[in-house]
Amino acid sequence: MEIVNTIGRRKTSVARLYMKPGKGAIVINEKEFKEYFTTEVLQTIINQPFALVDSLNKFDLNINVKGGGVAGQAEAVRLAISRALCEVSSDFRPALKKEGFVTRDPRMVERKKYGRRKARRRFQFSKR
């Protein structure tokens, strides 16, 4: 198996992933992933696909992620990892699909419209 290249998106975050067989090193934007995602929740989100298919510490990942906030970036990375695991072995796909890791979450922030304060917020109405 050579290098697998996939992409994951969430809100405005985009994660580009390069996966190859190795010892489990995860590098995100040239930093170790525990240094980049400092909270335990975000680290768990990234490791969920590996834990589900019992392939922790079997692949080296090099990830470039940009845009959005840390939670959106973590979920973009999770989608990229899930897609890469599906490319490695099609046997992983049903389990990953059942957990919803292969599905792209399309929800984005709605744009602000002119004449309004926010996307849907109207100005205060005064009857008298």
N, C-alpha and C. Protein backbone atom coordinates (compact mmCIF):
# COMPACT_ATOMS: atom_id res chain seq x y z
N MET A 1 0.84 -1.19 0.00
CA MET A 1 0.00 0.00 0.00
C MET A 1 0.87 1.25 0.00
N GLU A 2 0.61 2.12 -0.92
CA GLU A 2 1.34 3.39 -0.95
C GLU A 2 0.58 4.43 -0.14
N ILE A 3 0.88 5.67 -0.34
CA ILE A 3 0.26 6.76 0.41
C ILE A 3 -1.18 6.96 -0.08
N VAL A 4 -2.12 7.04 0.88
CA VAL A 4 -3.52 7.29 0.58
C VAL A 4 -3.79 8.76 0.86
N ASN A 5 -4.40 9.45 -0.10
CA ASN A 5 -4.69 10.88 0.02
C ASN A 5 -6.19 11.09 0.02
N THR A 6 -6.73 11.70 1.10
CA THR A 6 -8.16 11.99 1.16
C THR A 6 -8.37 13.41 1.70
N ILE A 7 -9.63 13.85 1.62
CA ILE A 7 -9.98 15.19 2.10
C ILE A 7 -11.24 15.07 2.95
N GLY A 8 -11.31 15.91 3.99
CA GLY A 8 -12.49 15.96 4.84
C GLY A 8 -12.88 17.40 5.08
N ARG A 9 -14.19 17.66 5.11
CA ARG A 9 -14.66 19.03 5.32
C ARG A 9 -15.73 19.05 6.39
N ARG A 10 -15.79 20.16 7.13
CA ARG A 10 -16.84 20.40 8.13
C ARG A 10 -16.95 21.90 8.33
N LYS A 11 -18.14 22.46 8.16
CA LYS A 11 -18.35 23.91 8.20
C LYS A 11 -17.38 24.57 7.22
N THR A 12 -16.45 25.41 7.69
CA THR A 12 -15.49 26.02 6.76
C THR A 12 -14.11 25.42 6.89
N SER A 13 -13.98 24.31 7.60
CA SER A 13 -12.68 23.65 7.78
C SER A 13 -12.44 22.63 6.68
N VAL A 14 -11.19 22.57 6.22
CA VAL A 14 -10.79 21.60 5.21
C VAL A 14 -9.55 20.88 5.70
N ALA A 15 -9.60 19.54 5.71
CA ALA A 15 -8.47 18.73 6.16
C ALA A 15 -7.99 17.86 4.99
N ARG A 16 -6.71 17.99 4.66
CA ARG A 16 -6.09 17.14 3.63
C ARG A 16 -5.21 16.12 4.35
N LEU A 17 -5.41 14.85 4.05
CA LEU A 17 -4.76 13.78 4.80
C LEU A 17 -3.91 12.92 3.87
N TYR A 18 -2.72 12.56 4.34
CA TYR A 18 -1.83 11.63 3.66
C TYR A 18 -1.54 10.51 4.64
N MET A 19 -1.97 9.27 4.31
CA MET A 19 -1.86 8.14 5.24
C MET A 19 -0.99 7.05 4.62
N LYS A 20 -0.07 6.53 5.44
CA LYS A 20 0.78 5.42 5.01
C LYS A 20 0.96 4.47 6.18
N PRO A 21 1.31 3.22 5.93
CA PRO A 21 1.53 2.27 7.03
C PRO A 21 2.67 2.75 7.92
N GLY A 22 2.51 2.57 9.23
CA GLY A 22 3.55 3.02 10.16
C GLY A 22 3.23 2.62 11.58
N LYS A 23 3.68 3.48 12.51
CA LYS A 23 3.58 3.16 13.94
C LYS A 23 2.57 4.03 14.68
N GLY A 24 1.76 4.80 13.98
CA GLY A 24 0.72 5.58 14.64
C GLY A 24 1.05 7.03 14.88
N ALA A 25 2.03 7.58 14.18
CA ALA A 25 2.38 9.00 14.34
C ALA A 25 1.35 9.86 13.60
N ILE A 26 0.78 10.82 14.31
CA ILE A 26 -0.19 11.74 13.69
C ILE A 26 0.38 13.15 13.78
N VAL A 27 0.63 13.75 12.61
CA VAL A 27 1.19 15.10 12.53
C VAL A 27 0.16 16.00 11.86
N ILE A 28 -0.23 17.07 12.57
CA ILE A 28 -1.21 18.02 12.03
C ILE A 28 -0.54 19.38 11.94
N ASN A 29 -0.47 19.93 10.73
CA ASN A 29 0.19 21.21 10.47
C ASN A 29 1.59 21.27 11.09
N GLU A 30 2.35 20.23 10.87
CA GLU A 30 3.72 20.09 11.37
C GLU A 30 3.84 20.13 12.89
N LYS A 31 2.77 19.77 13.60
CA LYS A 31 2.79 19.63 15.05
C LYS A 31 2.25 18.26 15.41
N GLU A 32 2.68 17.72 16.54
CA GLU A 32 2.14 16.47 17.03
C GLU A 32 0.67 16.70 17.39
N PHE A 33 -0.22 15.72 17.13
CA PHE A 33 -1.66 16.01 17.21
C PHE A 33 -2.12 16.34 18.63
N LYS A 34 -1.45 15.84 19.66
CA LYS A 34 -1.83 16.20 21.04
C LYS A 34 -1.42 17.62 21.37
N GLU A 35 -0.46 18.13 20.63
CA GLU A 35 -0.04 19.53 20.79
C GLU A 35 -1.00 20.46 20.04
N TYR A 36 -1.53 19.99 18.90
CA TYR A 36 -2.42 20.81 18.09
C TYR A 36 -3.84 20.84 18.68
N PHE A 37 -4.38 19.64 18.98
CA PHE A 37 -5.69 19.53 19.63
C PHE A 37 -5.44 19.20 21.10
N THR A 38 -5.50 20.22 21.95
CA THR A 38 -5.07 20.06 23.34
C THR A 38 -6.11 19.38 24.22
N THR A 39 -7.41 19.51 23.91
CA THR A 39 -8.42 18.92 24.79
C THR A 39 -8.62 17.43 24.50
N GLU A 40 -9.01 16.71 25.53
CA GLU A 40 -9.22 15.27 25.43
C GLU A 40 -10.37 14.94 24.48
N VAL A 41 -11.40 15.79 24.45
CA VAL A 41 -12.57 15.55 23.60
C VAL A 41 -12.17 15.56 22.13
N LEU A 42 -11.37 16.55 21.72
CA LEU A 42 -10.95 16.65 20.32
C LEU A 42 -10.03 15.50 19.93
N GLN A 43 -9.17 15.08 20.85
CA GLN A 43 -8.29 13.94 20.59
C GLN A 43 -9.10 12.66 20.42
N THR A 44 -10.17 12.52 21.21
CA THR A 44 -11.04 11.35 21.10
C THR A 44 -11.76 11.34 19.76
N ILE A 45 -12.22 12.53 19.31
CA ILE A 45 -12.91 12.62 18.02
C ILE A 45 -12.02 12.12 16.89
N ILE A 46 -10.73 12.49 16.94
CA ILE A 46 -9.79 12.08 15.89
C ILE A 46 -9.52 10.57 15.93
N ASN A 47 -9.47 9.98 17.12
CA ASN A 47 -9.15 8.55 17.24
C ASN A 47 -10.35 7.63 17.09
N GLN A 48 -11.56 8.18 17.01
CA GLN A 48 -12.77 7.35 16.92
C GLN A 48 -12.76 6.37 15.75
N PRO A 49 -12.42 6.78 14.51
CA PRO A 49 -12.43 5.80 13.42
C PRO A 49 -11.44 4.65 13.62
N PHE A 50 -10.25 4.98 14.15
CA PHE A 50 -9.24 3.93 14.39
C PHE A 50 -9.71 2.96 15.46
N ALA A 51 -10.30 3.48 16.54
CA ALA A 51 -10.77 2.62 17.62
C ALA A 51 -11.90 1.71 17.14
N LEU A 52 -12.74 2.22 16.25
CA LEU A 52 -13.88 1.45 15.76
C LEU A 52 -13.44 0.25 14.92
N VAL A 53 -12.39 0.41 14.12
CA VAL A 53 -11.95 -0.68 13.24
C VAL A 53 -10.69 -1.38 13.75
N ASP A 54 -10.33 -1.14 15.00
CA ASP A 54 -9.16 -1.77 15.66
C ASP A 54 -7.88 -1.61 14.84
N SER A 55 -7.56 -0.39 14.45
CA SER A 55 -6.33 -0.15 13.70
C SER A 55 -5.53 1.00 14.31
N LEU A 56 -5.60 1.14 15.65
CA LEU A 56 -4.79 2.15 16.33
C LEU A 56 -3.31 1.80 16.17
N ASN A 57 -2.48 2.79 15.96
CA ASN A 57 -1.02 2.64 15.83
C ASN A 57 -0.60 1.75 14.65
N LYS A 58 -1.38 1.75 13.57
CA LYS A 58 -1.01 1.00 12.38
C LYS A 58 -0.67 1.89 11.20
N PHE A 59 -1.05 3.19 11.29
CA PHE A 59 -0.84 4.11 10.18
C PHE A 59 -0.20 5.40 10.66
N ASP A 60 0.67 5.97 9.82
CA ASP A 60 1.23 7.30 10.05
C ASP A 60 0.41 8.29 9.24
N LEU A 61 0.02 9.39 9.88
CA LEU A 61 -0.81 10.39 9.22
C LEU A 61 -0.08 11.72 9.16
N ASN A 62 -0.14 12.36 8.01
CA ASN A 62 0.33 13.73 7.86
C ASN A 62 -0.89 14.53 7.37
N ILE A 63 -1.33 15.50 8.18
CA ILE A 63 -2.58 16.20 7.91
C ILE A 63 -2.33 17.70 7.83
N ASN A 64 -2.90 18.33 6.80
CA ASN A 64 -2.91 19.79 6.69
C ASN A 64 -4.35 20.22 6.86
N VAL A 65 -4.60 21.07 7.86
CA VAL A 65 -5.97 21.52 8.12
C VAL A 65 -5.98 23.03 8.24
N LYS A 66 -7.03 23.64 7.64
CA LYS A 66 -7.15 25.09 7.74
C LYS A 66 -8.62 25.50 7.70
N GLY A 67 -8.90 26.69 8.21
CA GLY A 67 -10.25 27.22 8.20
C GLY A 67 -11.06 26.79 9.41
N GLY A 68 -12.01 27.63 9.81
CA GLY A 68 -12.93 27.28 10.89
C GLY A 68 -12.28 27.26 12.25
N GLY A 69 -12.98 26.66 13.20
CA GLY A 69 -12.50 26.55 14.58
C GLY A 69 -11.97 25.17 14.87
N VAL A 70 -11.55 24.96 16.11
CA VAL A 70 -10.91 23.68 16.45
C VAL A 70 -11.87 22.50 16.37
N ALA A 71 -13.13 22.68 16.76
CA ALA A 71 -14.09 21.57 16.72
C ALA A 71 -14.40 21.18 15.27
N GLY A 72 -14.60 22.18 14.42
CA GLY A 72 -14.84 21.90 13.01
C GLY A 72 -13.65 21.24 12.36
N GLN A 73 -12.45 21.67 12.73
CA GLN A 73 -11.23 21.07 12.19
C GLN A 73 -11.11 19.62 12.63
N ALA A 74 -11.42 19.33 13.89
CA ALA A 74 -11.33 17.95 14.39
C ALA A 74 -12.31 17.05 13.65
N GLU A 75 -13.51 17.53 13.39
CA GLU A 75 -14.49 16.71 12.68
C GLU A 75 -14.13 16.56 11.21
N ALA A 76 -13.48 17.56 10.63
CA ALA A 76 -13.00 17.45 9.25
C ALA A 76 -11.91 16.38 9.17
N VAL A 77 -11.03 16.36 10.16
CA VAL A 77 -9.96 15.35 10.21
C VAL A 77 -10.58 13.96 10.37
N ARG A 78 -11.61 13.84 11.22
CA ARG A 78 -12.26 12.54 11.41
C ARG A 78 -12.86 12.02 10.11
N LEU A 79 -13.48 12.89 9.33
CA LEU A 79 -14.05 12.48 8.04
C LEU A 79 -12.95 12.04 7.08
N ALA A 80 -11.84 12.77 7.06
CA ALA A 80 -10.72 12.41 6.17
C ALA A 80 -10.14 11.05 6.56
N ILE A 81 -9.99 10.80 7.86
CA ILE A 81 -9.47 9.51 8.33
C ILE A 81 -10.41 8.38 7.95
N SER A 82 -11.71 8.60 8.13
CA SER A 82 -12.70 7.57 7.80
C SER A 82 -12.67 7.23 6.31
N ARG A 83 -12.56 8.27 5.47
CA ARG A 83 -12.49 8.03 4.03
C ARG A 83 -11.22 7.27 3.65
N ALA A 84 -10.11 7.60 4.31
CA ALA A 84 -8.85 6.90 4.03
C ALA A 84 -8.93 5.44 4.44
N LEU A 85 -9.54 5.15 5.59
CA LEU A 85 -9.69 3.77 6.04
C LEU A 85 -10.58 2.97 5.08
N CYS A 86 -11.59 3.63 4.50
CA CYS A 86 -12.45 2.96 3.51
C CYS A 86 -11.67 2.61 2.25
N GLU A 87 -10.71 3.48 1.89
CA GLU A 87 -9.86 3.19 0.72
C GLU A 87 -8.90 2.04 0.99
N VAL A 88 -8.41 1.96 2.23
CA VAL A 88 -7.48 0.89 2.60
C VAL A 88 -8.17 -0.47 2.53
N SER A 89 -9.35 -0.54 3.15
CA SER A 89 -10.10 -1.80 3.15
C SER A 89 -11.59 -1.51 3.09
N SER A 90 -12.26 -2.10 2.13
CA SER A 90 -13.71 -1.88 2.00
C SER A 90 -14.50 -2.57 3.12
N ASP A 91 -13.83 -3.45 3.89
CA ASP A 91 -14.50 -4.11 5.02
C ASP A 91 -14.81 -3.14 6.15
N PHE A 92 -14.05 -2.03 6.23
CA PHE A 92 -14.25 -1.04 7.30
C PHE A 92 -15.48 -0.18 7.07
N ARG A 93 -15.91 -0.07 5.82
CA ARG A 93 -16.96 0.90 5.47
C ARG A 93 -18.29 0.70 6.22
N PRO A 94 -18.84 -0.53 6.31
CA PRO A 94 -20.14 -0.67 7.01
C PRO A 94 -20.10 -0.20 8.47
N ALA A 95 -19.04 -0.52 9.18
CA ALA A 95 -18.94 -0.10 10.59
C ALA A 95 -18.82 1.43 10.70
N LEU A 96 -17.99 2.01 9.83
CA LEU A 96 -17.82 3.47 9.85
C LEU A 96 -19.10 4.18 9.43
N LYS A 97 -19.81 3.61 8.46
CA LYS A 97 -21.06 4.23 7.99
C LYS A 97 -22.13 4.17 9.08
N LYS A 98 -22.18 3.06 9.81
CA LYS A 98 -23.17 2.90 10.88
C LYS A 98 -23.00 3.96 11.96
N GLU A 99 -21.74 4.31 12.27
CA GLU A 99 -21.46 5.34 13.27
C GLU A 99 -21.60 6.76 12.71
N GLY A 100 -21.75 6.89 11.39
CA GLY A 100 -21.93 8.20 10.77
C GLY A 100 -20.63 8.93 10.48
N PHE A 101 -19.51 8.22 10.45
CA PHE A 101 -18.20 8.86 10.22
C PHE A 101 -17.91 9.11 8.75
N VAL A 102 -18.64 8.43 7.85
CA VAL A 102 -18.39 8.59 6.42
C VAL A 102 -19.26 9.69 5.83
N THR A 103 -20.27 10.12 6.59
CA THR A 103 -21.22 11.11 6.10
C THR A 103 -20.68 12.52 6.28
N ARG A 104 -20.73 13.32 5.22
CA ARG A 104 -20.32 14.73 5.28
C ARG A 104 -21.45 15.52 5.91
N ASP A 105 -21.17 16.28 6.96
CA ASP A 105 -22.17 17.10 7.63
C ASP A 105 -22.30 18.42 6.88
N PRO A 106 -23.42 18.68 6.21
CA PRO A 106 -23.51 19.85 5.33
C PRO A 106 -23.86 21.16 6.04
N ARG A 107 -24.11 21.12 7.36
CA ARG A 107 -24.57 22.33 8.04
C ARG A 107 -23.48 23.40 8.07
N MET A 108 -23.84 24.60 7.58
CA MET A 108 -22.92 25.73 7.57
C MET A 108 -23.66 26.94 8.14
N VAL A 109 -22.91 27.97 8.48
CA VAL A 109 -23.51 29.19 8.99
C VAL A 109 -24.25 29.89 7.86
N GLU A 110 -25.48 30.30 8.14
CA GLU A 110 -26.27 31.00 7.14
C GLU A 110 -25.76 32.43 6.99
N ARG A 111 -25.72 32.92 5.76
CA ARG A 111 -25.17 34.26 5.53
C ARG A 111 -26.11 35.34 6.05
N LYS A 112 -25.52 36.47 6.43
CA LYS A 112 -26.29 37.63 6.86
C LYS A 112 -26.93 38.28 5.64
N LYS A 113 -28.22 38.67 5.78
CA LYS A 113 -28.92 39.33 4.70
C LYS A 113 -28.96 40.84 4.94
N TYR A 114 -29.00 41.60 3.86
CA TYR A 114 -29.06 43.05 3.99
C TYR A 114 -30.40 43.46 4.61
N GLY A 115 -30.41 44.55 5.33
CA GLY A 115 -31.63 45.03 5.95
C GLY A 115 -31.99 44.31 7.23
N ARG A 116 -31.13 43.42 7.68
CA ARG A 116 -31.36 42.67 8.91
C ARG A 116 -30.13 42.77 9.79
N ARG A 117 -30.32 42.43 11.09
CA ARG A 117 -29.17 42.46 12.00
C ARG A 117 -28.30 41.22 11.83
N LYS A 118 -28.94 40.06 11.67
CA LYS A 118 -28.23 38.79 11.48
C LYS A 118 -28.89 38.08 10.30
N ALA A 119 -28.72 36.79 10.21
CA ALA A 119 -29.27 36.04 9.07
C ALA A 119 -30.81 36.10 9.05
N ARG A 120 -31.43 35.94 10.22
CA ARG A 120 -32.90 35.92 10.28
C ARG A 120 -33.48 36.94 11.25
N ARG A 121 -32.65 37.54 12.06
CA ARG A 121 -33.11 38.49 13.08
C ARG A 121 -33.63 39.76 12.45
N ARG A 122 -34.89 40.12 12.79
CA ARG A 122 -35.47 41.37 12.32
C ARG A 122 -35.21 42.47 13.34
N PHE A 123 -35.40 43.70 12.91
CA PHE A 123 -35.33 44.80 13.87
C PHE A 123 -36.59 44.78 14.73
N GLN A 124 -36.50 45.37 15.93
CA GLN A 124 -37.63 45.32 16.87
C GLN A 124 -38.83 46.06 16.29
N PHE A 125 -40.00 45.39 16.41
CA PHE A 125 -41.23 45.97 15.88
C PHE A 125 -41.94 46.76 16.97
N SER A 126 -42.34 47.96 16.64
CA SER A 126 -43.07 48.78 17.59
C SER A 126 -44.46 49.05 17.03
N LYS A 127 -45.48 48.64 17.78
CA LYS A 127 -46.85 48.78 17.29
C LYS A 127 -47.31 50.24 17.41
N ARG A 128 -46.87 50.94 18.45
CA ARG A 128 -47.28 52.34 18.65
C ARG A 128 -46.08 53.24 18.80
